[in-house]
Amino acid sequence: MDIKIDKHTALVFDLDDTLYNELEFLKSAYWEICFNLKPKDVYTLFNFVFSLYRNGENPFLYLSETFCVPIEQLLNTYRTHTPKIKPFPGVLNVIKEVKKKNGKLGIITDGRIITQSNKLKSLGIWEDIDCCIISESIGSEKPNLKNFKLVEEDLKLNTYYYFGDNFKKDFIAPLVLGWHTVGVMDNGMNIHPNSCDFQLNVPEYLIRSFEEVSII
């Protein structure tokens, strides 16, 4: 798809499973926790812990009971560690081209401030973002209109595009506000694989990869 960008246009993104696979964050966090608990046999512990997650069990409960560590301590590492994650192919190029044409970039994401901020920094795009709305910082989550209106109030532009992956909540508010909407299809690794509901809030465009996006 072609998107015409000028100084009056903003591309605004969801974060998890839109700009990268959230499963990679989860793996990164589990690895950090396992390395802290059992550095000499981290591979074995990590593989077992990840298998617990894949089987729908609670890895934190297992680790807490096995290593006599408070669950809250494990969760703190999960939430605050510096993740080893990479953006989807094409993401960095889209961002570069938008900045080159003097467009603006935004993030609207649900989650904790430190967790989501660390993700953006690890993806290498933190410095490029002109407006970042994280649910914890404003006390409301998508699909609340407030999260999107704050972007409008901050950037004061004419045209907005919102990219998201969760068809149940990502596009409700931007469709109400008259934004263009772009659905990023599940590549088979999304944390919430059933998040695409084609009966609700259908985005204007669908892409399988950011490599399909041309900034003109």
C-alpha atoms as a PDB file:
ATOM      1  CA  MET A   1       0.000   0.000   0.000  1.00  0.00           C
ATOM      2  CA  ASP A   2       1.105   3.561  -0.719  1.00  0.00           C
ATOM      3  CA  ILE A   3       0.910   6.238   1.984  1.00  0.00           C
ATOM      4  CA  LYS A   4       1.481   9.855   1.078  1.00  0.00           C
ATOM      5  CA  ILE A   5       3.394  11.599   3.857  1.00  0.00           C
ATOM      6  CA  ASP A   6       3.931  15.292   4.512  1.00  0.00           C
ATOM      7  CA  LYS A   7       4.303  17.468   7.616  1.00  0.00           C
ATOM      8  CA  HIS A   8       0.550  17.245   8.259  1.00  0.00           C
ATOM      9  CA  THR A   9       0.467  13.426   8.452  1.00  0.00           C
ATOM     10  CA  ALA A  10       1.211  10.982  11.275  1.00  0.00           C
ATOM     11  CA  LEU A  11       1.669   7.239  11.357  1.00  0.00           C
ATOM     12  CA  VAL A  12       0.632   5.919  14.764  1.00  0.00           C
ATOM     13  CA  PHE A  13       1.323   2.356  15.850  1.00  0.00           C
ATOM     14  CA  ASP A  14       0.227  -0.196  18.382  1.00  0.00           C
ATOM     15  CA  LEU A  15       3.338  -1.927  19.752  1.00  0.00           C
ATOM     16  CA  ASP A  16       3.001  -5.585  20.727  1.00  0.00           C
ATOM     17  CA  ASP A  17       2.527  -7.952  17.764  1.00  0.00           C
ATOM     18  CA  THR A  18       2.312  -4.926  15.487  1.00  0.00           C
ATOM     19  CA  LEU A  19       5.907  -3.684  15.336  1.00  0.00           C
ATOM     20  CA  TYR A  20       7.474  -6.934  16.605  1.00  0.00           C
ATOM     21  CA  ASN A  21       6.364 -10.329  17.919  1.00  0.00           C
ATOM     22  CA  GLU A  22       5.479 -10.119  21.606  1.00  0.00           C
ATOM     23  CA  LEU A  23       6.436 -13.774  21.961  1.00  0.00           C
ATOM     24  CA  GLU A  24      10.061 -12.661  21.541  1.00  0.00           C
ATOM     25  CA  PHE A  25       9.685 -10.340  24.528  1.00  0.00           C
ATOM     26  CA  LEU A  26       8.292 -13.206  26.576  1.00  0.00           C
ATOM     27  CA  LYS A  27      11.220 -15.444  25.608  1.00  0.00           C
ATOM     28  CA  SER A  28      13.682 -12.685  26.424  1.00  0.00           C
ATOM     29  CA  ALA A  29      12.144 -12.199  29.859  1.00  0.00           C
ATOM     30  CA  TYR A  30      12.085 -15.918  30.640  1.00  0.00           C
ATOM     31  CA  TRP A  31      15.720 -16.198  29.600  1.00  0.00           C
ATOM     32  CA  GLU A  32      16.699 -13.323  31.900  1.00  0.00           C
ATOM     33  CA  ILE A  33      14.862 -14.882  34.817  1.00  0.00           C
ATOM     34  CA  CYS A  34      16.294 -18.353  34.201  1.00  0.00           C
ATOM     35  CA  PHE A  35      19.824 -17.015  33.817  1.00  0.00           C
ATOM     36  CA  ASN A  36      19.525 -15.204  37.148  1.00  0.00           C
ATOM     37  CA  LEU A  37      18.280 -18.350  38.879  1.00  0.00           C
ATOM     38  CA  LYS A  38      20.458 -21.030  37.282  1.00  0.00           C
ATOM     39  CA  PRO A  39      23.210 -19.560  35.072  1.00  0.00           C
ATOM     40  CA  LYS A  40      25.148 -22.823  34.712  1.00  0.00           C
ATOM     41  CA  ASP A  41      22.163 -24.678  33.273  1.00  0.00           C
ATOM     42  CA  VAL A  42      20.118 -21.852  31.834  1.00  0.00           C
ATOM     43  CA  TYR A  43      19.298 -23.656  28.580  1.00  0.00           C
ATOM     44  CA  THR A  44      17.616 -26.577  30.322  1.00  0.00           C
ATOM     45  CA  LEU A  45      15.670 -24.373  32.704  1.00  0.00           C
ATOM     46  CA  PHE A  46      14.579 -21.977  29.950  1.00  0.00           C
ATOM     47  CA  ASN A  47      13.340 -24.789  27.717  1.00  0.00           C
ATOM     48  CA  PHE A  48      11.323 -26.278  30.563  1.00  0.00           C
ATOM     49  CA  VAL A  49       9.870 -22.926  31.614  1.00  0.00           C
ATOM     50  CA  PHE A  50       8.899 -22.061  28.052  1.00  0.00           C
ATOM     51  CA  SER A  51       7.250 -25.460  27.649  1.00  0.00           C
ATOM     52  CA  LEU A  52       5.199 -24.751  30.791  1.00  0.00           C
ATOM     53  CA  TYR A  53       3.988 -21.529  29.189  1.00  0.00           C
ATOM     54  CA  ARG A  54       3.137 -23.273  25.922  1.00  0.00           C
ATOM     55  CA  ASN A  55       1.140 -25.876  27.856  1.00  0.00           C
ATOM     56  CA  GLY A  56      -0.924 -23.167  29.538  1.00  0.00           C
ATOM     57  CA  GLU A  57       0.707 -23.599  32.940  1.00  0.00           C
ATOM     58  CA  ASN A  58       2.128 -20.875  35.216  1.00  0.00           C
ATOM     59  CA  PRO A  59       5.931 -20.654  34.888  1.00  0.00           C
ATOM     60  CA  PHE A  60       6.153 -18.060  37.651  1.00  0.00           C
ATOM     61  CA  LEU A  61       4.486 -20.364  40.152  1.00  0.00           C
ATOM     62  CA  TYR A  62       6.880 -23.182  39.258  1.00  0.00           C
ATOM     63  CA  LEU A  63       9.957 -20.938  39.511  1.00  0.00           C
ATOM     64  CA  SER A  64       8.780 -19.407  42.777  1.00  0.00           C
ATOM     65  CA  GLU A  65       8.216 -22.783  44.418  1.00  0.00           C
ATOM     66  CA  THR A  66      11.359 -24.418  43.002  1.00  0.00           C
ATOM     67  CA  PHE A  67      13.815 -21.625  43.784  1.00  0.00           C
ATOM     68  CA  CYS A  68      12.045 -20.080  46.808  1.00  0.00           C
ATOM     69  CA  VAL A  69      11.746 -16.701  45.118  1.00  0.00           C
ATOM     70  CA  PRO A  70       8.717 -14.414  45.543  1.00  0.00           C
ATOM     71  CA  ILE A  71       6.560 -14.309  42.437  1.00  0.00           C
ATOM     72  CA  GLU A  72       6.574 -10.507  42.584  1.00  0.00           C
ATOM     73  CA  GLN A  73      10.374 -10.541  42.242  1.00  0.00           C
ATOM     74  CA  LEU A  74      10.107 -12.699  39.129  1.00  0.00           C
ATOM     75  CA  LEU A  75       7.406 -10.474  37.678  1.00  0.00           C
ATOM     76  CA  ASN A  76       9.543  -7.413  38.349  1.00  0.00           C
ATOM     77  CA  THR A  77      12.358  -8.905  36.275  1.00  0.00           C
ATOM     78  CA  TYR A  78       9.861  -9.804  33.552  1.00  0.00           C
ATOM     79  CA  ARG A  79       8.528  -6.254  33.407  1.00  0.00           C
ATOM     80  CA  THR A  80      11.741  -4.249  33.816  1.00  0.00           C
ATOM     81  CA  HIS A  81      14.441  -6.200  31.969  1.00  0.00           C
ATOM     82  CA  THR A  82      15.967  -4.851  28.786  1.00  0.00           C
ATOM     83  CA  PRO A  83      14.450  -7.117  26.129  1.00  0.00           C
ATOM     84  CA  LYS A  84      16.275  -8.690  23.224  1.00  0.00           C
ATOM     85  CA  ILE A  85      13.735  -8.065  20.463  1.00  0.00           C
ATOM     86  CA  LYS A  86      13.816  -6.978  16.826  1.00  0.00           C
ATOM     87  CA  PRO A  87      11.292  -5.026  14.743  1.00  0.00           C
ATOM     88  CA  PHE A  88       9.438  -6.757  11.941  1.00  0.00           C
ATOM     89  CA  PRO A  89      11.030  -6.492   8.488  1.00  0.00           C
ATOM     90  CA  GLY A  90      10.242  -3.152   6.907  1.00  0.00           C
ATOM     91  CA  VAL A  91       9.408  -1.297  10.131  1.00  0.00           C
ATOM     92  CA  LEU A  92      12.651   0.671  10.377  1.00  0.00           C
ATOM     93  CA  ASN A  93      12.519   1.609   6.720  1.00  0.00           C
ATOM     94  CA  VAL A  94       8.948   2.927   7.028  1.00  0.00           C
ATOM     95  CA  ILE A  95       9.964   4.999  10.054  1.00  0.00           C
ATOM     96  CA  LYS A  96      13.022   6.354   8.258  1.00  0.00           C
ATOM     97  CA  GLU A  97      10.993   7.361   5.214  1.00  0.00           C
ATOM     98  CA  VAL A  98       8.311   9.061   7.313  1.00  0.00           C
ATOM     99  CA  LYS A  99      10.923  11.150   9.125  1.00  0.00           C
ATOM    100  CA  LYS A 100      12.613  11.974   5.837  1.00  0.00           C
ATOM    101  CA  LYS A 101       9.351  13.485   4.570  1.00  0.00           C
ATOM    102  CA  ASN A 102       8.778  15.424   7.826  1.00  0.00           C
ATOM    103  CA  GLY A 103       5.844  13.279   8.913  1.00  0.00           C
ATOM    104  CA  LYS A 104       5.187  12.448  12.569  1.00  0.00           C
ATOM    105  CA  LEU A 105       5.259   9.131  14.395  1.00  0.00           C
ATOM    106  CA  GLY A 106       3.203   8.014  17.372  1.00  0.00           C
ATOM    107  CA  ILE A 107       2.636   5.036  19.647  1.00  0.00           C
ATOM    108  CA  ILE A 108      -0.587   4.067  21.410  1.00  0.00           C
ATOM    109  CA  THR A 109      -0.067   0.957  23.502  1.00  0.00           C
ATOM    110  CA  ASP A 110      -1.500  -0.720  26.585  1.00  0.00           C
ATOM    111  CA  GLY A 111       0.906  -1.720  29.329  1.00  0.00           C
ATOM    112  CA  ARG A 112       3.325  -0.439  31.927  1.00  0.00           C
ATOM    113  CA  ILE A 113       5.463   2.612  31.265  1.00  0.00           C
ATOM    114  CA  ILE A 114       8.828   0.987  31.964  1.00  0.00           C
ATOM    115  CA  THR A 115       8.003  -2.215  30.069  1.00  0.00           C
ATOM    116  CA  GLN A 116       6.718  -0.534  26.932  1.00  0.00           C
ATOM    117  CA  SER A 117       9.440   2.130  26.983  1.00  0.00           C
ATOM    118  CA  ASN A 118      12.151  -0.522  27.225  1.00  0.00           C
ATOM    119  CA  LYS A 119      10.626  -2.320  24.244  1.00  0.00           C
ATOM    120  CA  LEU A 120      10.700   0.829  22.114  1.00  0.00           C
ATOM    121  CA  LYS A 121      14.305   1.494  23.081  1.00  0.00           C
ATOM    122  CA  SER A 122      15.341  -2.075  22.270  1.00  0.00           C
ATOM    123  CA  LEU A 123      13.601  -1.851  18.900  1.00  0.00           C
ATOM    124  CA  GLY A 124      15.717   1.214  18.137  1.00  0.00           C
ATOM    125  CA  ILE A 125      12.813   3.581  17.531  1.00  0.00           C
ATOM    126  CA  TRP A 126      12.434   5.416  20.854  1.00  0.00           C
ATOM    127  CA  GLU A 127      14.182   8.562  19.608  1.00  0.00           C
ATOM    128  CA  ASP A 128      11.997   8.700  16.474  1.00  0.00           C
ATOM    129  CA  ILE A 129       8.643   8.774  18.277  1.00  0.00           C
ATOM    130  CA  ASP A 130       6.978  12.193  18.448  1.00  0.00           C
ATOM    131  CA  CYS A 131       4.105  11.156  20.714  1.00  0.00           C
ATOM    132  CA  CYS A 132       3.876   8.074  22.932  1.00  0.00           C
ATOM    133  CA  ILE A 133       0.696   7.154  24.816  1.00  0.00           C
ATOM    134  CA  ILE A 134       1.115   4.255  27.261  1.00  0.00           C
ATOM    135  CA  SER A 135      -2.041   3.221  29.107  1.00  0.00           C
ATOM    136  CA  GLU A 136      -0.467   3.213  32.576  1.00  0.00           C
ATOM    137  CA  SER A 137       0.563   6.845  32.207  1.00  0.00           C
ATOM    138  CA  ILE A 138      -2.979   8.088  31.506  1.00  0.00           C
ATOM    139  CA  GLY A 139      -5.124   5.554  33.359  1.00  0.00           C
ATOM    140  CA  SER A 140      -7.087   4.246  30.391  1.00  0.00           C
ATOM    141  CA  GLU A 141      -6.685   1.479  27.832  1.00  0.00           C
ATOM    142  CA  LYS A 142      -7.800   0.977  24.264  1.00  0.00           C
ATOM    143  CA  PRO A 143     -10.421   1.274  22.892  1.00  0.00           C
ATOM    144  CA  ASN A 144     -10.956   4.422  24.998  1.00  0.00           C
ATOM    145  CA  LEU A 145     -11.167   7.481  22.741  1.00  0.00           C
ATOM    146  CA  LYS A 146      -9.031   9.392  25.245  1.00  0.00           C
ATOM    147  CA  ASN A 147      -5.873   7.532  24.241  1.00  0.00           C
ATOM    148  CA  PHE A 148      -6.285   8.591  20.617  1.00  0.00           C
ATOM    149  CA  LYS A 149      -7.515  12.115  21.270  1.00  0.00           C
ATOM    150  CA  LEU A 150      -4.361  12.786  23.292  1.00  0.00           C
ATOM    151  CA  VAL A 151      -2.342  12.116  20.146  1.00  0.00           C
ATOM    152  CA  GLU A 152      -4.497  14.563  18.205  1.00  0.00           C
ATOM    153  CA  GLU A 153      -4.113  17.193  20.916  1.00  0.00           C
ATOM    154  CA  ASP A 154      -0.353  16.752  20.966  1.00  0.00           C
ATOM    155  CA  LEU A 155       0.429  16.545  17.253  1.00  0.00           C
ATOM    156  CA  LYS A 156      -2.388  18.737  15.867  1.00  0.00           C
ATOM    157  CA  LEU A 157      -2.245  17.275  12.346  1.00  0.00           C
ATOM    158  CA  ASN A 158      -4.726  16.687   9.553  1.00  0.00           C
ATOM    159  CA  THR A 159      -4.234  13.016   8.720  1.00  0.00           C
ATOM    160  CA  TYR A 160      -3.593   9.982  10.918  1.00  0.00           C
ATOM    161  CA  TYR A 161      -2.947   6.322  10.119  1.00  0.00           C
ATOM    162  CA  TYR A 162      -3.207   3.745  12.906  1.00  0.00           C
ATOM    163  CA  PHE A 163      -1.527   0.343  12.588  1.00  0.00           C
ATOM    164  CA  GLY A 164      -2.665  -2.462  14.889  1.00  0.00           C
ATOM    165  CA  ASP A 165      -3.069  -6.224  15.108  1.00  0.00           C
ATOM    166  CA  ASN A 166      -5.971  -6.696  17.513  1.00  0.00           C
ATOM    167  CA  PHE A 167      -9.217  -6.455  15.589  1.00  0.00           C
ATOM    168  CA  LYS A 168     -11.253  -6.571  18.800  1.00  0.00           C
ATOM    169  CA  LYS A 169     -10.029  -3.262  20.183  1.00  0.00           C
ATOM    170  CA  ASP A 170      -7.360  -1.515  18.093  1.00  0.00           C
ATOM    171  CA  PHE A 171      -9.588   0.072  15.464  1.00  0.00           C
ATOM    172  CA  ILE A 172     -12.724   1.087  17.374  1.00  0.00           C
ATOM    173  CA  ALA A 173     -11.525   4.536  18.432  1.00  0.00           C
ATOM    174  CA  PRO A 174      -9.564   5.521  15.316  1.00  0.00           C
ATOM    175  CA  LEU A 175     -12.523   4.584  13.100  1.00  0.00           C
ATOM    176  CA  VAL A 176     -14.771   6.833  15.212  1.00  0.00           C
ATOM    177  CA  LEU A 177     -12.252   9.682  14.884  1.00  0.00           C
ATOM    178  CA  GLY A 178     -11.931   9.316  11.128  1.00  0.00           C
ATOM    179  CA  TRP A 179      -8.374   7.994  11.103  1.00  0.00           C
ATOM    180  CA  HIS A 180      -7.139   5.661   8.400  1.00  0.00           C
ATOM    181  CA  THR A 181      -6.676   2.176   9.829  1.00  0.00           C
ATOM    182  CA  VAL A 182      -4.237  -0.571   8.856  1.00  0.00           C
ATOM    183  CA  GLY A 183      -4.501  -4.117  10.164  1.00  0.00           C
ATOM    184  CA  VAL A 184      -1.254  -6.059  10.540  1.00  0.00           C
ATOM    185  CA  MET A 185      -2.056  -9.717  10.004  1.00  0.00           C
ATOM    186  CA  ASP A 186      -0.998 -12.418  12.457  1.00  0.00           C
ATOM    187  CA  ASN A 187       2.174 -14.113  11.189  1.00  0.00           C
ATOM    188  CA  GLY A 188       1.384 -17.223  13.198  1.00  0.00           C
ATOM    189  CA  MET A 189       3.324 -16.164  16.300  1.00  0.00           C
ATOM    190  CA  ASN A 190       0.989 -13.620  17.895  1.00  0.00           C
ATOM    191  CA  ILE A 191       0.422 -13.933  21.635  1.00  0.00           C
ATOM    192  CA  HIS A 192      -3.327 -13.630  21.008  1.00  0.00           C
ATOM    193  CA  PRO A 193      -3.838 -15.628  17.802  1.00  0.00           C
ATOM    194  CA  ASN A 194      -7.624 -15.205  17.865  1.00  0.00           C
ATOM    195  CA  SER A 195      -7.503 -11.433  17.998  1.00  0.00           C
ATOM    196  CA  CYS A 196      -8.606 -10.974  14.376  1.00  0.00           C
ATOM    197  CA  ASP A 197     -12.400 -10.777  14.163  1.00  0.00           C
ATOM    198  CA  PHE A 198     -13.472  -9.804  10.675  1.00  0.00           C
ATOM    199  CA  GLN A 199     -17.021  -9.127  11.840  1.00  0.00           C
ATOM    200  CA  LEU A 200     -15.946  -6.191  13.995  1.00  0.00           C
ATOM    201  CA  ASN A 201     -14.142  -2.925  13.345  1.00  0.00           C
ATOM    202  CA  VAL A 202     -12.644  -3.939  10.030  1.00  0.00           C
ATOM    203  CA  PRO A 203      -9.621  -1.762   9.198  1.00  0.00           C
ATOM    204  CA  GLU A 204      -9.427   0.136   5.932  1.00  0.00           C
ATOM    205  CA  TYR A 205      -6.300  -1.720   4.830  1.00  0.00           C
ATOM    206  CA  LEU A 206      -4.707  -5.085   5.603  1.00  0.00           C
ATOM    207  CA  ILE A 207      -1.005  -5.879   5.343  1.00  0.00           C
ATOM    208  CA  ARG A 208       0.985  -9.020   6.001  1.00  0.00           C
ATOM    209  CA  SER A 209       4.277  -7.144   6.338  1.00  0.00           C
ATOM    210  CA  PHE A 210       5.564  -3.589   6.622  1.00  0.00           C
ATOM    211  CA  GLU A 211       7.543  -4.370   3.496  1.00  0.00           C
ATOM    212  CA  GLU A 212       4.227  -3.894   1.671  1.00  0.00           C
ATOM    213  CA  VAL A 213       4.085  -0.245   2.812  1.00  0.00           C
ATOM    214  CA  SER A 214       5.536   2.417   0.496  1.00  0.00           C
ATOM    215  CA  ILE A 215       5.975   5.947   1.817  1.00  0.00           C
ATOM    216  CA  ILE A 216       5.510   8.431  -1.024  1.00  0.00           C
END
